[in-house]
Every structure is written in C-alpha cells, then in structure tokens.
Amino acid sequence: MLKIGHFFDFSDLIKPIALTDVTEKIVSASFLTTYWPRLIVNGRVLDQTAKERMKQNSMRVSTQKMILWEKCFDLMKTQNQTLDESSLCLIPIKSHHSPCMPDAGAPITAEDGLWGITSGWTLDECLTKNSPTLVTRISSSAIRTWLDKLLDSEKK
C-alpha cells in the first residue's frame, strides 16, 4: 500500500516506512515478515481456544532468513519457473501457516525499511515439500522505476 485513502496523523506507534535503496546482490540476511493470524492451518479450522484465535486482530511478526539466490534459482528451474533479479527467496514460516496458502502481499522489512512484498506462489507439491517464500524486491530497477513513477504522479 503506497497511499492511504484518508489523512491521519503519524505518531510514535504509526509511522511511514522507508523504501530500501539496497540494489546489490544480497548474500545473507534476515528479514521481518508481518502477517495476520491464520484461522485455518493445514486445511483445518483452528480450535476456538487456539492462541491465534484469541488475538486474531493482532498482527504477527516473524523473522525469515534468506535462501541463496542461486539455490532458489535452481529450485525454480526444476519447477519450470524463472527467477529474476527482482526476486528474493526466504525460508518459509512453518508454524501457524498452511504450506499451500502463503500470505500473499505481506511486507518484508529490515532495519532500513521495506524490502519487498511476498507472492502467493507455492510448489505444486506444497503439502509434502516446503515452498520458499518468494518476495518481489522493491529496490530492483524494474520495480523501483514503476514505484517512483507512481509516487511522482501522486504528487502532481
């Protein structure tokens, strides 16, 4: 979300997030993923007393580590998919997530700001094999050019 539909005041708890400018190849990193709790995990509706249900309006934050780009590229190739420089792959979150229902659109952040947005892609055999979390990198030239044009047009 680049623009909110109505004006509001920022505070110590509500702040805008910077878009990262890091464009070079990343070898190793940890990121934070923010997501809403799940009510269905692995095809089963969670029990009424499950922790996820008790605080279903509270955002969750998890740390995800990166998968080497070359390793993810090779995995995607075995799936007849392509991976380009605008993508990152993260080790999937396994607890409280369904392997075949990723959190598409979840923000991926690090200390310097927003790094990307998760996709909804999963392996065909997602029930038996964990799919990497695919992320569109906002600092890649193609994505950042599009974002900058969009943000510039909003200012006019």
Protein backbone atom coordinates (compact mmCIF):
# COMPACT_ATOMS: atom_id res chain seq x y z
CA MET A 1 0.00 0.00 0.00
CA LEU A 2 1.61 3.22 -1.14
CA LYS A 3 -1.18 5.60 -0.34
CA ILE A 4 -3.85 5.54 2.35
CA GLY A 5 -7.38 6.62 1.42
CA HIS A 6 -7.67 9.29 4.09
CA PHE A 7 -5.41 11.61 6.07
CA PHE A 8 -4.25 10.75 9.56
CA ASP A 9 -1.52 11.89 11.93
CA PHE A 10 1.65 9.90 12.39
CA SER A 11 2.67 9.10 15.97
CA ASP A 12 5.23 7.07 17.89
CA LEU A 13 3.17 3.99 17.03
CA ILE A 14 2.12 4.89 13.48
CA LYS A 15 4.97 5.80 11.17
CA PRO A 16 5.65 5.65 7.46
CA ILE A 17 8.24 3.13 6.37
CA ALA A 18 11.14 3.97 4.09
CA LEU A 19 11.69 2.02 0.89
CA THR A 20 15.14 0.42 0.88
CA ASP A 21 17.68 1.62 -1.67
CA VAL A 22 19.85 -1.52 -1.50
CA THR A 23 20.24 -2.79 -5.05
CA GLU A 24 23.31 -5.01 -4.88
CA LYS A 25 23.23 -8.78 -4.61
CA ILE A 26 22.39 -9.98 -1.10
CA VAL A 27 24.35 -12.98 0.13
CA SER A 28 22.85 -13.42 3.58
CA ALA A 29 20.18 -11.56 5.51
CA SER A 30 17.30 -11.86 7.94
CA PHE A 31 14.02 -10.08 7.37
CA LEU A 32 10.85 -9.43 9.31
CA THR A 33 7.54 -10.57 7.88
CA THR A 34 4.32 -9.05 9.19
CA TYR A 35 1.12 -11.04 8.76
CA TRP A 36 -2.35 -11.56 10.15
CA PRO A 37 -3.01 -14.69 12.24
CA ARG A 38 -4.43 -17.73 10.48
CA LEU A 39 -7.76 -19.27 11.35
CA ILE A 40 -7.19 -22.25 9.06
CA VAL A 41 -3.88 -24.12 9.28
CA ASN A 42 -3.07 -27.15 7.12
CA GLY A 43 -6.67 -27.32 5.95
CA ARG A 44 -8.13 -27.44 9.47
CA VAL A 45 -10.06 -24.69 11.22
CA LEU A 46 -8.25 -23.81 14.43
CA ASP A 47 -9.96 -24.70 17.70
CA GLN A 48 -11.84 -21.82 19.38
CA THR A 49 -9.26 -21.79 22.20
CA ALA A 50 -6.19 -21.60 19.91
CA LYS A 51 -3.87 -18.64 20.61
CA GLU A 52 -4.24 -17.45 17.03
CA ARG A 53 -8.00 -17.05 17.56
CA MET A 54 -7.67 -15.25 20.88
CA LYS A 55 -5.81 -12.35 19.28
CA GLN A 56 -6.99 -12.54 15.69
CA ASN A 57 -6.86 -8.75 15.25
CA SER A 58 -3.21 -8.53 16.32
CA MET A 59 -0.51 -8.54 13.66
CA ARG A 60 2.19 -11.20 13.91
CA VAL A 61 5.86 -10.63 13.15
CA SER A 62 8.29 -13.42 12.25
CA THR A 63 11.94 -13.46 11.29
CA GLN A 64 12.75 -15.13 7.98
CA LYS A 65 16.23 -15.87 6.69
CA MET A 66 17.19 -15.67 3.08
CA ILE A 67 17.84 -18.62 0.79
CA LEU A 68 20.81 -18.09 -1.50
CA TRP A 69 19.54 -16.69 -4.80
CA GLU A 70 21.38 -19.36 -6.83
CA LYS A 71 19.84 -22.14 -4.76
CA CYS A 72 16.36 -20.69 -5.20
CA PHE A 73 17.01 -20.11 -8.93
CA ASP A 74 17.85 -23.82 -9.31
CA LEU A 75 14.73 -24.84 -7.36
CA MET A 76 12.54 -22.62 -9.52
CA LYS A 77 14.13 -24.08 -12.66
CA THR A 78 13.08 -27.59 -11.54
CA GLN A 79 9.52 -26.20 -11.32
CA ASN A 80 9.72 -24.74 -14.88
CA GLN A 81 9.64 -21.26 -13.34
CA THR A 82 12.07 -18.39 -13.75
CA LEU A 83 13.57 -16.21 -11.07
CA ASP A 84 15.00 -12.81 -11.95
CA GLU A 85 16.94 -10.10 -10.14
CA SER A 86 13.74 -8.59 -8.75
CA SER A 87 13.13 -11.64 -6.54
CA LEU A 88 14.35 -12.89 -3.19
CA CYS A 89 13.62 -16.25 -1.60
CA LEU A 90 13.14 -16.72 2.13
CA ILE A 91 12.97 -19.83 4.27
CA PRO A 92 9.23 -20.39 4.81
CA ILE A 93 7.46 -19.81 8.11
CA LYS A 94 6.19 -23.23 9.14
CA SER A 95 4.37 -22.60 12.41
CA HIS A 96 0.80 -21.29 12.15
CA HIS A 97 0.88 -21.31 8.36
CA SER A 98 -0.56 -23.59 5.77
CA PRO A 99 2.09 -24.76 3.31
CA CYS A 100 -0.19 -24.22 0.31
CA MET A 101 -1.65 -20.88 1.42
CA PRO A 102 1.13 -18.28 1.72
CA ASP A 103 0.50 -14.74 2.95
CA ALA A 104 0.50 -13.04 -0.44
CA GLY A 105 1.14 -9.32 -0.12
CA ALA A 106 2.84 -9.46 3.28
CA PRO A 107 5.52 -6.79 3.74
CA ILE A 108 9.15 -7.86 4.14
CA THR A 109 11.23 -5.38 6.15
CA ALA A 110 14.71 -4.93 7.58
CA GLU A 111 16.33 -2.17 9.61
CA ASP A 112 16.49 0.25 6.68
CA GLY A 113 12.87 -0.14 5.59
CA LEU A 114 10.62 -2.09 3.26
CA TRP A 115 12.47 -4.61 1.09
CA GLY A 116 9.63 -6.34 -0.67
CA ILE A 117 6.21 -7.94 -0.81
CA THR A 118 5.53 -11.67 -0.67
CA SER A 119 3.94 -13.53 -3.56
CA GLY A 120 1.33 -16.26 -3.43
CA TRP A 121 3.43 -18.81 -5.31
CA THR A 122 3.87 -22.33 -3.89
CA LEU A 123 5.38 -25.57 -5.13
CA ASP A 124 2.94 -27.96 -6.80
CA GLU A 125 3.86 -30.48 -4.09
CA CYS A 126 3.39 -27.92 -1.28
CA LEU A 127 1.69 -30.44 1.02
CA THR A 128 4.81 -32.60 1.19
CA LYS A 129 7.61 -30.11 0.44
CA ASN A 130 8.02 -26.62 1.92
CA SER A 131 7.88 -23.82 -0.64
CA PRO A 132 10.25 -20.90 -0.29
CA THR A 133 8.62 -17.55 0.41
CA LEU A 134 9.06 -15.60 -2.84
CA VAL A 135 9.49 -11.86 -2.45
CA THR A 136 9.38 -9.11 -5.07
CA ARG A 137 12.26 -6.76 -4.25
CA ILE A 138 11.14 -3.16 -4.37
CA SER A 139 14.68 -1.87 -4.95
CA SER A 140 15.13 -3.81 -8.21
CA SER A 141 15.38 -1.42 -11.15
CA ALA A 142 12.13 -2.51 -12.84
CA ILE A 143 10.05 -2.33 -9.66
CA ARG A 144 11.62 0.86 -8.30
CA THR A 145 11.19 2.68 -11.64
CA TRP A 146 7.48 1.77 -11.61
CA LEU A 147 7.10 2.78 -7.93
CA ASP A 148 8.88 6.12 -8.45
CA LYS A 149 6.64 6.95 -11.44
CA LEU A 150 3.56 6.04 -9.44
CA LEU A 151 4.62 8.10 -6.43
CA ASP A 152 5.64 11.08 -8.61
CA SER A 153 2.26 11.07 -10.38
CA GLU A 154 0.52 11.15 -6.97
CA LYS A 155 2.38 14.35 -6.03
CA LYS A 156 1.06 16.24 -9.05
